[in-house]
């Protein structure tokens, strides 16, 4: 009787490990930026004005304060991670330009 109970318990535990219906959540991190926000930037804006348009940067470079990094990543249900990057450049704390690698579509919208 004990062997049968141990066998049944072991079978249930192993079956729980390989259950096919496990739900995996979507994971998104960072700043979602679109071309619409980026076109609002104008040369000569202060750092604070840029942040009011784009939000707080995800990464600051302590060695080179002339750049701020806005990164966004999205992973749907444990699948491939999609990433976009925007680098904002300043000269004497005044906005000059940006470089962007945007996603074709923003999955979170």
PDB file of N, CA and C in Angstrom:
ATOM      1  N   UNK A   1       0.826  -1.193   0.000  1.00  0.00           N
ATOM      2  CA  UNK A   1       0.000   0.000   0.000  1.00  0.00           C
ATOM      3  C   UNK A   1       0.877   1.266   0.000  1.00  0.00           C
ATOM      4  N   UNK A   2       1.968   1.245   0.795  1.00  0.00           N
ATOM      5  CA  UNK A   2       2.854   2.400   0.842  1.00  0.00           C
ATOM      6  C   UNK A   2       3.569   2.596  -0.494  1.00  0.00           C
ATOM      7  N   UNK A   3       3.931   1.502  -1.142  1.00  0.00           N
ATOM      8  CA  UNK A   3       4.606   1.609  -2.441  1.00  0.00           C
ATOM      9  C   UNK A   3       3.666   2.203  -3.475  1.00  0.00           C
ATOM     10  N   UNK A   4       2.408   1.813  -3.429  1.00  0.00           N
ATOM     11  CA  UNK A   4       1.422   2.353  -4.364  1.00  0.00           C
ATOM     12  C   UNK A   4       1.210   3.847  -4.128  1.00  0.00           C
ATOM     13  N   UNK A   5       1.153   4.260  -2.870  1.00  0.00           N
ATOM     14  CA  UNK A   5       0.980   5.676  -2.538  1.00  0.00           C
ATOM     15  C   UNK A   5       2.205   6.481  -2.978  1.00  0.00           C
ATOM     16  N   UNK A   6       3.412   5.927  -2.775  1.00  0.00           N
ATOM     17  CA  UNK A   6       4.641   6.612  -3.174  1.00  0.00           C
ATOM     18  C   UNK A   6       4.704   6.735  -4.699  1.00  0.00           C
ATOM     19  N   UNK A   7       4.305   5.683  -5.404  1.00  0.00           N
ATOM     20  CA  UNK A   7       4.291   5.703  -6.860  1.00  0.00           C
ATOM     21  C   UNK A   7       3.298   6.739  -7.387  1.00  0.00           C
ATOM     22  N   UNK A   8       2.118   6.785  -6.782  1.00  0.00           N
ATOM     23  CA  UNK A   8       1.104   7.756  -7.184  1.00  0.00           C
ATOM     24  C   UNK A   8       1.574   9.194  -6.930  1.00  0.00           C
ATOM     25  N   UNK A   9       2.194   9.415  -5.767  1.00  0.00           N
ATOM     26  CA  UNK A   9       2.707  10.738  -5.423  1.00  0.00           C
ATOM     27  C   UNK A   9       3.817  11.163  -6.388  1.00  0.00           C
ATOM     28  N   UNK A  10       4.712  10.252  -6.699  1.00  0.00           N
ATOM     29  CA  UNK A  10       5.807  10.544  -7.630  1.00  0.00           C
ATOM     30  C   UNK A  10       5.255  10.874  -9.013  1.00  0.00           C
ATOM     31  N   UNK A  11       4.263  10.138  -9.464  1.00  0.00           N
ATOM     32  CA  UNK A  11       3.649  10.378 -10.766  1.00  0.00           C
ATOM     33  C   UNK A  11       2.996  11.755 -10.818  1.00  0.00           C
ATOM     34  N   UNK A  12       2.306  12.137  -9.749  1.00  0.00           N
ATOM     35  CA  UNK A  12       1.662  13.445  -9.707  1.00  0.00           C
ATOM     36  C   UNK A  12       2.683  14.585  -9.702  1.00  0.00           C
ATOM     37  N   UNK A  13       3.766  14.407  -8.960  1.00  0.00           N
ATOM     38  CA  UNK A  13       4.803  15.438  -8.904  1.00  0.00           C
ATOM     39  C   UNK A  13       5.456  15.611 -10.274  1.00  0.00           C
ATOM     40  N   UNK A  14       5.796  14.525 -10.922  1.00  0.00           N
ATOM     41  CA  UNK A  14       6.428  14.597 -12.237  1.00  0.00           C
ATOM     42  C   UNK A  14       5.472  15.155 -13.287  1.00  0.00           C
ATOM     43  N   UNK A  15       4.211  14.830 -13.189  1.00  0.00           N
ATOM     44  CA  UNK A  15       3.224  15.357 -14.134  1.00  0.00           C
ATOM     45  C   UNK A  15       3.064  16.865 -13.956  1.00  0.00           C
ATOM     46  N   UNK A  16       3.185  17.349 -12.738  1.00  0.00           N
ATOM     47  CA  UNK A  16       3.082  18.780 -12.474  1.00  0.00           C
ATOM     48  C   UNK A  16       4.233  19.561 -13.065  1.00  0.00           C
ATOM     49  N   UNK A  17       5.388  18.946 -13.176  1.00  0.00           N
ATOM     50  CA  UNK A  17       6.561  19.631 -13.726  1.00  0.00           C
ATOM     51  C   UNK A  17       6.453  19.844 -15.223  1.00  0.00           C
ATOM     52  N   UNK A  18       5.722  18.992 -15.897  1.00  0.00           N
ATOM     53  CA  UNK A  18       5.658  19.097 -17.346  1.00  0.00           C
ATOM     54  C   UNK A  18       4.266  19.493 -17.829  1.00  0.00           C
ATOM     55  N   UNK A  19       3.508  20.180 -17.022  1.00  0.00           N
ATOM     56  CA  UNK A  19       2.161  20.592 -17.399  1.00  0.00           C
ATOM     57  C   UNK A  19       2.232  21.568 -18.574  1.00  0.00           C
ATOM     58  N   UNK A  20       1.580  21.267 -19.685  1.00  0.00           N
ATOM     59  CA  UNK A  20       1.737  22.081 -20.891  1.00  0.00           C
ATOM     60  C   UNK A  20       1.032  23.437 -20.837  1.00  0.00           C
ATOM     61  N   UNK A  21       0.122  23.659 -19.934  1.00  0.00           N
ATOM     62  CA  UNK A  21      -0.665  24.884 -19.916  1.00  0.00           C
ATOM     63  C   UNK A  21      -0.107  25.966 -19.009  1.00  0.00           C
ATOM     64  N   UNK A  22       1.196  25.999 -18.795  1.00  0.00           N
ATOM     65  CA  UNK A  22       1.778  27.006 -17.919  1.00  0.00           C
ATOM     66  C   UNK A  22       1.695  28.367 -18.602  1.00  0.00           C
ATOM     67  N   UNK A  23       1.168  29.341 -17.892  1.00  0.00           N
ATOM     68  CA  UNK A  23       1.003  30.682 -18.433  1.00  0.00           C
ATOM     69  C   UNK A  23       2.284  31.479 -18.244  1.00  0.00           C
ATOM     70  N   UNK A  24       2.788  32.071 -19.308  1.00  0.00           N
ATOM     71  CA  UNK A  24       3.969  32.925 -19.240  1.00  0.00           C
ATOM     72  C   UNK A  24       3.534  34.350 -19.559  1.00  0.00           C
ATOM     73  N   UNK A  25       3.922  35.274 -18.704  1.00  0.00           N
ATOM     74  CA  UNK A  25       3.481  36.652 -18.854  1.00  0.00           C
ATOM     75  C   UNK A  25       4.340  37.405 -19.867  1.00  0.00           C
ATOM     76  N   UNK A  26       3.792  38.499 -20.382  1.00  0.00           N
ATOM     77  CA  UNK A  26       4.559  39.410 -21.220  1.00  0.00           C
ATOM     78  C   UNK A  26       5.405  40.277 -20.297  1.00  0.00           C
ATOM     79  N   UNK A  27       6.653  40.507 -20.665  1.00  0.00           N
ATOM     80  CA  UNK A  27       7.552  41.308 -19.844  1.00  0.00           C
ATOM     81  C   UNK A  27       8.013  42.504 -20.664  1.00  0.00           C
ATOM     82  N   UNK A  28       7.772  43.698 -20.138  1.00  0.00           N
ATOM     83  CA  UNK A  28       8.247  44.905 -20.805  1.00  0.00           C
ATOM     84  C   UNK A  28       8.964  45.781 -19.784  1.00  0.00           C
ATOM     85  N   UNK A  29      10.034  46.413 -20.233  1.00  0.00           N
ATOM     86  CA  UNK A  29      10.840  47.256 -19.355  1.00  0.00           C
ATOM     87  C   UNK A  29      11.324  48.461 -20.138  1.00  0.00           C
ATOM     88  N   UNK A  30      11.397  49.590 -19.464  1.00  0.00           N
ATOM     89  CA  UNK A  30      11.990  50.773 -20.060  1.00  0.00           C
ATOM     90  C   UNK A  30      10.977  51.782 -20.548  1.00  0.00           C
ATOM     91  N   UNK A  31      11.461  52.694 -21.395  1.00  0.00           N
ATOM     92  CA  UNK A  31      10.676  53.801 -21.918  1.00  0.00           C
ATOM     93  C   UNK A  31      10.127  53.445 -23.294  1.00  0.00           C
ATOM     94  N   UNK A  32       8.817  53.487 -23.449  1.00  0.00           N
ATOM     95  CA  UNK A  32       8.205  53.270 -24.753  1.00  0.00           C
ATOM     96  C   UNK A  32       8.222  54.619 -25.468  1.00  0.00           C
ATOM     97  N   UNK A  33       9.007  54.725 -26.512  1.00  0.00           N
ATOM     98  CA  UNK A  33       9.098  55.967 -27.275  1.00  0.00           C
ATOM     99  C   UNK A  33       8.688  55.707 -28.713  1.00  0.00           C
ATOM    100  N   UNK A  34       7.998  56.665 -29.277  1.00  0.00           N
ATOM    101  CA  UNK A  34       7.597  56.577 -30.680  1.00  0.00           C
ATOM    102  C   UNK A  34       8.162  57.785 -31.431  1.00  0.00           C
ATOM    103  N   UNK A  35       8.013  57.756 -32.734  1.00  0.00           N
ATOM    104  CA  UNK A  35       8.465  58.871 -33.562  1.00  0.00           C
ATOM    105  C   UNK A  35       7.749  60.160 -33.163  1.00  0.00           C
ATOM    106  N   UNK A  36       6.525  60.030 -32.679  1.00  0.00           N
ATOM    107  CA  UNK A  36       5.741  61.204 -32.267  1.00  0.00           C
ATOM    108  C   UNK A  36       6.445  61.980 -31.149  1.00  0.00           C
ATOM    109  N   UNK A  37       6.945  61.266 -30.137  1.00  0.00           N
ATOM    110  CA  UNK A  37       7.655  61.944 -29.045  1.00  0.00           C
ATOM    111  C   UNK A  37       8.981  62.533 -29.540  1.00  0.00           C
ATOM    112  N   UNK A  38       9.679  61.791 -30.369  1.00  0.00           N
ATOM    113  CA  UNK A  38      10.989  62.239 -30.839  1.00  0.00           C
ATOM    114  C   UNK A  38      10.888  63.485 -31.721  1.00  0.00           C
ATOM    115  N   UNK A  39       9.801  63.636 -32.478  1.00  0.00           N
ATOM    116  CA  UNK A  39       9.653  64.822 -33.324  1.00  0.00           C
ATOM    117  C   UNK A  39       9.341  66.068 -32.499  1.00  0.00           C
ATOM    118  N   UNK A  40       8.979  65.900 -31.243  1.00  0.00           N
ATOM    119  CA  UNK A  40       8.725  67.044 -30.374  1.00  0.00           C
ATOM    120  C   UNK A  40      10.019  67.682 -29.865  1.00  0.00           C
ATOM    121  N   UNK A  41      11.141  66.978 -30.028  1.00  0.00           N
ATOM    122  CA  UNK A  41      12.417  67.513 -29.565  1.00  0.00           C
ATOM    123  C   UNK A  41      12.910  68.595 -30.512  1.00  0.00           C
ATOM    124  N   UNK A  42      13.433  69.665 -29.935  1.00  0.00           N
ATOM    125  CA  UNK A  42      13.966  70.765 -30.728  1.00  0.00           C
ATOM    126  C   UNK A  42      15.348  71.125 -30.220  1.00  0.00           C
ATOM    127  N   UNK A  43      16.248  71.434 -31.130  1.00  0.00           N
ATOM    128  CA  UNK A  43      17.595  71.837 -30.728  1.00  0.00           C
ATOM    129  C   UNK A  43      17.503  73.038 -29.794  1.00  0.00           C
ATOM    130  N   UNK A  44      18.347  73.012 -28.766  1.00  0.00           N
ATOM    131  CA  UNK A  44      18.361  74.108 -27.806  1.00  0.00           C
ATOM    132  C   UNK A  44      17.526  73.850 -26.562  1.00  0.00           C
ATOM    133  N   UNK A  45      16.763  72.733 -26.535  1.00  0.00           N
ATOM    134  CA  UNK A  45      15.970  72.416 -25.338  1.00  0.00           C
ATOM    135  C   UNK A  45      16.913  72.053 -24.187  1.00  0.00           C
ATOM    136  N   UNK A  46      16.481  72.370 -22.980  1.00  0.00           N
ATOM    137  CA  UNK A  46      17.267  71.985 -21.815  1.00  0.00           C
ATOM    138  C   UNK A  46      17.057  70.503 -21.528  1.00  0.00           C
ATOM    139  N   UNK A  47      17.916  69.965 -20.705  1.00  0.00           N
ATOM    140  CA  UNK A  47      17.808  68.555 -20.318  1.00  0.00           C
ATOM    141  C   UNK A  47      16.449  68.284 -19.661  1.00  0.00           C
ATOM    142  N   UNK A  48      15.975  69.210 -18.847  1.00  0.00           N
ATOM    143  CA  UNK A  48      14.689  69.042 -18.162  1.00  0.00           C
ATOM    144  C   UNK A  48      13.528  69.060 -19.154  1.00  0.00           C
ATOM    145  N   UNK A  49      13.610  69.894 -20.170  1.00  0.00           N
ATOM    146  CA  UNK A  49      12.565  69.932 -21.191  1.00  0.00           C
ATOM    147  C   UNK A  49      12.521  68.624 -21.979  1.00  0.00           C
ATOM    148  N   UNK A  50      13.681  68.087 -22.301  1.00  0.00           N
ATOM    149  CA  UNK A  50      13.737  66.811 -23.016  1.00  0.00           C
ATOM    150  C   UNK A  50      13.125  65.710 -22.150  1.00  0.00           C
ATOM    151  N   UNK A  51      13.449  65.710 -20.876  1.00  0.00           N
ATOM    152  CA  UNK A  51      12.905  64.687 -19.973  1.00  0.00           C
ATOM    153  C   UNK A  51      11.401  64.837 -19.790  1.00  0.00           C
ATOM    154  N   UNK A  52      10.880  66.037 -19.902  1.00  0.00           N
ATOM    155  CA  UNK A  52       9.432  66.194 -19.791  1.00  0.00           C
ATOM    156  C   UNK A  52       8.725  65.607 -21.010  1.00  0.00           C
ATOM    157  N   UNK A  53       9.413  65.559 -22.142  1.00  0.00           N
ATOM    158  CA  UNK A  53       8.842  64.961 -23.356  1.00  0.00           C
ATOM    159  C   UNK A  53       9.039  63.439 -23.368  1.00  0.00           C
ATOM    160  N   UNK A  54      10.257  62.980 -23.063  1.00  0.00           N
ATOM    161  CA  UNK A  54      10.602  61.559 -23.200  1.00  0.00           C
ATOM    162  C   UNK A  54      10.501  60.762 -21.903  1.00  0.00           C
ATOM    163  N   UNK A  55      10.496  61.437 -20.771  1.00  0.00           N
ATOM    164  CA  UNK A  55      10.539  60.732 -19.496  1.00  0.00           C
ATOM    165  C   UNK A  55      11.975  60.619 -19.016  1.00  0.00           C
ATOM    166  N   UNK A  56      12.154  59.956 -17.902  1.00  0.00           N
ATOM    167  CA  UNK A  56      13.497  59.784 -17.340  1.00  0.00           C
ATOM    168  C   UNK A  56      14.264  58.726 -18.119  1.00  0.00           C
ATOM    169  N   UNK A  57      15.529  58.982 -18.381  1.00  0.00           N
ATOM    170  CA  UNK A  57      16.318  57.979 -19.109  1.00  0.00           C
ATOM    171  C   UNK A  57      16.531  56.733 -18.255  1.00  0.00           C
ATOM    172  N   UNK A  58      16.671  55.612 -18.915  1.00  0.00           N
ATOM    173  CA  UNK A  58      16.868  54.347 -18.214  1.00  0.00           C
ATOM    174  C   UNK A  58      18.319  54.213 -17.756  1.00  0.00           C
ATOM    175  N   UNK A  59      19.223  54.916 -18.457  1.00  0.00           N
ATOM    176  CA  UNK A  59      20.637  54.767 -18.152  1.00  0.00           C
ATOM    177  C   UNK A  59      21.346  56.111 -18.329  1.00  0.00           C
ATOM    178  N   UNK A  60      22.161  56.456 -17.342  1.00  0.00           N
ATOM    179  CA  UNK A  60      22.997  57.646 -17.413  1.00  0.00           C
ATOM    180  C   UNK A  60      24.447  57.202 -17.435  1.00  0.00           C
ATOM    181  N   UNK A  61      25.259  57.904 -18.191  1.00  0.00           N
ATOM    182  CA  UNK A  61      26.675  57.586 -18.269  1.00  0.00           C
ATOM    183  C   UNK A  61      27.413  58.506 -17.299  1.00  0.00           C
ATOM    184  N   UNK A  62      27.941  57.980 -16.190  1.00  0.00           N
ATOM    185  CA  UNK A  62      28.606  58.840 -15.212  1.00  0.00           C
ATOM    186  C   UNK A  62      29.910  59.443 -15.725  1.00  0.00           C
ATOM    187  N   UNK A  63      30.511  58.844 -16.727  1.00  0.00           N
ATOM    188  CA  UNK A  63      31.761  59.337 -17.276  1.00  0.00           C
ATOM    189  C   UNK A  63      31.514  60.406 -18.341  1.00  0.00           C
ATOM    190  N   UNK A  64      30.436  60.242 -19.107  1.00  0.00           N
ATOM    191  CA  UNK A  64      30.135  61.162 -20.202  1.00  0.00           C
ATOM    192  C   UNK A  64      28.688  61.653 -20.067  1.00  0.00           C
ATOM    193  N   UNK A  65      28.461  62.782 -19.383  1.00  0.00           N
ATOM    194  CA  UNK A  65      27.090  63.276 -19.180  1.00  0.00           C
ATOM    195  C   UNK A  65      26.461  63.876 -20.436  1.00  0.00           C
ATOM    196  N   UNK A  66      27.160  63.832 -21.565  1.00  0.00           N
ATOM    197  CA  UNK A  66      26.605  64.406 -22.790  1.00  0.00           C
ATOM    198  C   UNK A  66      25.642  63.454 -23.500  1.00  0.00           C
ATOM    199  N   UNK A  67      25.382  62.282 -22.906  1.00  0.00           N
ATOM    200  CA  UNK A  67      24.467  61.297 -23.512  1.00  0.00           C
ATOM    201  C   UNK A  67      23.510  60.750 -22.466  1.00  0.00           C
ATOM    202  N   UNK A  68      22.295  60.484 -22.911  1.00  0.00           N
ATOM    203  CA  UNK A  68      21.316  59.781 -22.078  1.00  0.00           C
ATOM    204  C   UNK A  68      20.726  58.656 -22.925  1.00  0.00           C
ATOM    205  N   UNK A  69      20.478  57.532 -22.295  1.00  0.00           N
ATOM    206  CA  UNK A  69      20.038  56.329 -23.003  1.00  0.00           C
ATOM    207  C   UNK A  69      18.611  55.970 -22.606  1.00  0.00           C
ATOM    208  N   UNK A  70      17.767  55.793 -23.598  1.00  0.00           N
ATOM    209  CA  UNK A  70      16.388  55.358 -23.407  1.00  0.00           C
ATOM    210  C   UNK A  70      16.260  53.997 -24.092  1.00  0.00           C
ATOM    211  N   UNK A  71      16.037  52.969 -23.311  1.00  0.00           N
ATOM    212  CA  UNK A  71      15.949  51.610 -23.836  1.00  0.00           C
ATOM    213  C   UNK A  71      14.594  51.020 -23.469  1.00  0.00           C
ATOM    214  N   UNK A  72      14.054  50.248 -24.369  1.00  0.00           N
ATOM    215  CA  UNK A  72      12.791  49.551 -24.123  1.00  0.00           C
ATOM    216  C   UNK A  72      12.934  48.122 -24.617  1.00  0.00           C
ATOM    217  N   UNK A  73      12.559  47.162 -23.780  1.00  0.00           N
ATOM    218  CA  UNK A  73      12.562  45.756 -24.192  1.00  0.00           C
ATOM    219  C   UNK A  73      11.183  45.159 -23.958  1.00  0.00           C
ATOM    220  N   UNK A  74      10.821  44.219 -24.830  1.00  0.00           N
ATOM    221  CA  UNK A  74       9.530  43.538 -24.725  1.00  0.00           C
ATOM    222  C   UNK A  74       9.723  42.068 -25.050  1.00  0.00           C
ATOM    223  N   UNK A  75       9.187  41.215 -24.185  1.00  0.00           N
ATOM    224  CA  UNK A  75       9.244  39.769 -24.405  1.00  0.00           C
ATOM    225  C   UNK A  75       7.841  39.222 -24.247  1.00  0.00           C
ATOM    226  N   UNK A  76       7.299  38.645 -25.315  1.00  0.00           N
ATOM    227  CA  UNK A  76       5.942  38.104 -25.282  1.00  0.00           C
ATOM    228  C   UNK A  76       5.972  36.627 -24.893  1.00  0.00           C
ATOM    229  N   UNK A  77       5.386  36.318 -23.763  1.00  0.00           N
ATOM    230  CA  UNK A  77       5.182  34.934 -23.293  1.00  0.00           C
ATOM    231  C   UNK A  77       6.432  34.067 -23.355  1.00  0.00           C
ATOM    232  N   UNK A  78       7.550  34.595 -22.910  1.00  0.00           N
ATOM    233  CA  UNK A  78       8.776  33.811 -22.877  1.00  0.00           C
ATOM    234  C   UNK A  78       9.453  33.671 -24.225  1.00  0.00           C
ATOM    235  N   UNK A  79       9.004  34.420 -25.217  1.00  0.00           N
ATOM    236  CA  UNK A  79       9.576  34.324 -26.567  1.00  0.00           C
ATOM    237  C   UNK A  79      10.780  35.225 -26.755  1.00  0.00           C
ATOM    238  N   UNK A  80      10.966  35.639 -27.993  1.00  0.00           N
ATOM    239  CA  UNK A  80      12.108  36.472 -28.370  1.00  0.00           C
ATOM    240  C   UNK A  80      12.003  37.860 -27.728  1.00  0.00           C
ATOM    241  N   UNK A  81      13.139  38.405 -27.303  1.00  0.00           N
ATOM    242  CA  UNK A  81      13.174  39.738 -26.705  1.00  0.00           C
ATOM    243  C   UNK A  81      13.378  40.759 -27.817  1.00  0.00           C
ATOM    244  N   UNK A  82      12.461  41.718 -27.893  1.00  0.00           N
ATOM    245  CA  UNK A  82      12.581  42.805 -28.875  1.00  0.00           C
ATOM    246  C   UNK A  82      13.057  44.042 -28.130  1.00  0.00           C
ATOM    247  N   UNK A  83      13.958  44.801 -28.753  1.00  0.00           N
ATOM    248  CA  UNK A  83      14.563  45.939 -28.074  1.00  0.00           C
ATOM    249  C   UNK A  83      14.628  47.155 -28.989  1.00  0.00           C
ATOM    250  N   UNK A  84      14.398  48.322 -28.385  1.00  0.00           N
ATOM    251  CA  UNK A  84      14.628  49.568 -29.100  1.00  0.00           C
ATOM    252  C   UNK A  84      15.527  50.455 -28.253  1.00  0.00           C
ATOM    253  N   UNK A  85      16.325  51.282 -28.925  1.00  0.00           N
ATOM    254  CA  UNK A  85      17.273  52.152 -28.222  1.00  0.00           C
ATOM    255  C   UNK A  85      17.200  53.553 -28.800  1.00  0.00           C
ATOM    256  N   UNK A  86      17.266  54.527 -27.894  1.00  0.00           N
ATOM    257  CA  UNK A  86      17.354  55.928 -28.291  1.00  0.00           C
ATOM    258  C   UNK A  86      18.469  56.551 -27.459  1.00  0.00           C
ATOM    259  N   UNK A  87      19.400  57.223 -28.121  1.00  0.00           N
ATOM    260  CA  UNK A  87      20.473  57.938 -27.431  1.00  0.00           C
ATOM    261  C   UNK A  87      20.258  59.420 -27.701  1.00  0.00           C
ATOM    262  N   UNK A  88      20.168  60.195 -26.621  1.00  0.00           N
ATOM    263  CA  UNK A  88      19.967  61.636 -26.726  1.00  0.00           C
ATOM    264  C   UNK A  88      21.292  62.314 -26.399  1.00  0.00           C
ATOM    265  N   UNK A  89      21.702  63.238 -27.261  1.00  0.00           N
ATOM    266  CA  UNK A  89      22.988  63.921 -27.103  1.00  0.00           C
ATOM    267  C   UNK A  89      22.781  65.364 -26.644  1.00  0.00           C
ATOM    268  N   UNK A  90      23.668  65.796 -25.750  1.00  0.00           N
ATOM    269  CA  UNK A  90      23.654  67.161 -25.226  1.00  0.00           C
ATOM    270  C   UNK A  90      25.029  67.774 -25.389  1.00  0.00           C
ATOM    271  N   UNK A  91      25.040  69.103 -25.480  1.00  0.00           N
ATOM    272  CA  UNK A  91      26.285  69.848 -25.438  1.00  0.00           C
ATOM    273  C   UNK A  91      26.061  70.983 -24.443  1.00  0.00           C
ATOM    274  N   UNK A  92      26.802  70.959 -23.336  1.00  0.00           N
ATOM    275  CA  UNK A  92      26.621  71.926 -22.240  1.00  0.00           C
ATOM    276  C   UNK A  92      25.185  71.916 -21.716  1.00  0.00           C
ATOM    277  N   UNK A  93      24.626  70.719 -21.518  1.00  0.00           N
ATOM    278  CA  UNK A  93      23.259  70.505 -21.023  1.00  0.00           C
ATOM    279  C   UNK A  93      22.171  71.053 -21.941  1.00  0.00           C
ATOM    280  N   UNK A  94      22.479  71.221 -23.210  1.00  0.00           N
ATOM    281  CA  UNK A  94      21.505  71.671 -24.202  1.00  0.00           C
ATOM    282  C   UNK A  94      21.385  70.580 -25.259  1.00  0.00           C
ATOM    283  N   UNK A  95      20.145  70.203 -25.584  1.00  0.00           N
ATOM    284  CA  UNK A  95      19.881  69.130 -26.549  1.00  0.00           C
ATOM    285  C   UNK A  95      20.425  69.497 -27.931  1.00  0.00           C
ATOM    286  N   UNK A  96      21.095  68.515 -28.566  1.00  0.00           N
ATOM    287  CA  UNK A  96      21.597  68.733 -29.922  1.00  0.00           C
ATOM    288  C   UNK A  96      20.965  67.775 -30.937  1.00  0.00           C
ATOM    289  N   UNK A  97      20.937  66.470 -30.635  1.00  0.00           N
ATOM    290  CA  UNK A  97      20.375  65.500 -31.575  1.00  0.00           C
ATOM    291  C   UNK A  97      20.144  64.169 -30.870  1.00  0.00           C
ATOM    292  N   UNK A  98      19.609  63.203 -31.611  1.00  0.00           N
ATOM    293  CA  UNK A  98      19.390  61.861 -31.084  1.00  0.00           C
ATOM    294  C   UNK A  98      19.679  60.827 -32.165  1.00  0.00           C
ATOM    295  N   UNK A  99      19.927  59.604 -31.712  1.00  0.00           N
ATOM    296  CA  UNK A  99      20.019  58.425 -32.582  1.00  0.00           C
ATOM    297  C   UNK A  99      18.963  57.455 -32.094  1.00  0.00           C
ATOM    298  N   UNK A 100      18.257  56.820 -33.016  1.00  0.00           N
ATOM    299  CA  UNK A 100      17.176  55.923 -32.599  1.00  0.00           C
ATOM    300  C   UNK A 100      17.143  54.659 -33.432  1.00  0.00           C
ATOM    301  N   UNK A 101      16.925  53.555 -32.744  1.00  0.00           N
ATOM    302  CA  UNK A 101      16.599  52.270 -33.359  1.00  0.00           C
ATOM    303  C   UNK A 101      15.250  51.875 -32.778  1.00  0.00           C
ATOM    304  N   UNK A 102      14.170  52.278 -33.441  1.00  0.00           N
ATOM    305  CA  UNK A 102      12.836  52.008 -32.931  1.00  0.00           C
ATOM    306  C   UNK A 102      12.310  50.680 -33.477  1.00  0.00           C
ATOM    307  N   UNK A 103      11.410  50.091 -32.726  1.00  0.00           N
ATOM    308  CA  UNK A 103      10.741  48.887 -33.207  1.00  0.00           C
ATOM    309  C   UNK A 103       9.744  49.271 -34.288  1.00  0.00           C
ATOM    310  N   UNK A 104       9.515  48.377 -35.227  1.00  0.00           N
ATOM    311  CA  UNK A 104       8.541  48.661 -36.291  1.00  0.00           C
ATOM    312  C   UNK A 104       7.154  48.906 -35.724  1.00  0.00           C
ATOM    313  N   UNK A 105       6.811  48.117 -34.721  1.00  0.00           N
ATOM    314  CA  UNK A 105       5.567  48.329 -33.998  1.00  0.00           C
ATOM    315  C   UNK A 105       5.841  48.145 -32.521  1.00  0.00           C
ATOM    316  N   UNK A 106       5.195  48.949 -31.713  1.00  0.00           N
ATOM    317  CA  UNK A 106       5.393  48.834 -30.274  1.00  0.00           C
ATOM    318  C   UNK A 106       4.393  47.810 -29.751  1.00  0.00           C
ATOM    319  N   UNK A 107       4.865  46.652 -29.300  1.00  0.00           N
ATOM    320  CA  UNK A 107       3.964  45.559 -28.921  1.00  0.00           C
ATOM    321  C   UNK A 107       3.041  45.896 -27.756  1.00  0.00           C
ATOM    322  N   UNK A 108       3.434  46.807 -26.891  1.00  0.00           N
ATOM    323  CA  UNK A 108       2.637  47.077 -25.701  1.00  0.00           C
ATOM    324  C   UNK A 108       1.389  47.908 -26.018  1.00  0.00           C
ATOM    325  N   UNK A 109       1.346  48.549 -27.167  1.00  0.00           N
ATOM    326  CA  UNK A 109       0.187  49.372 -27.509  1.00  0.00           C
ATOM    327  C   UNK A 109      -0.924  48.529 -28.053  1.00  0.00           C
TER     328      UNK A 109
END
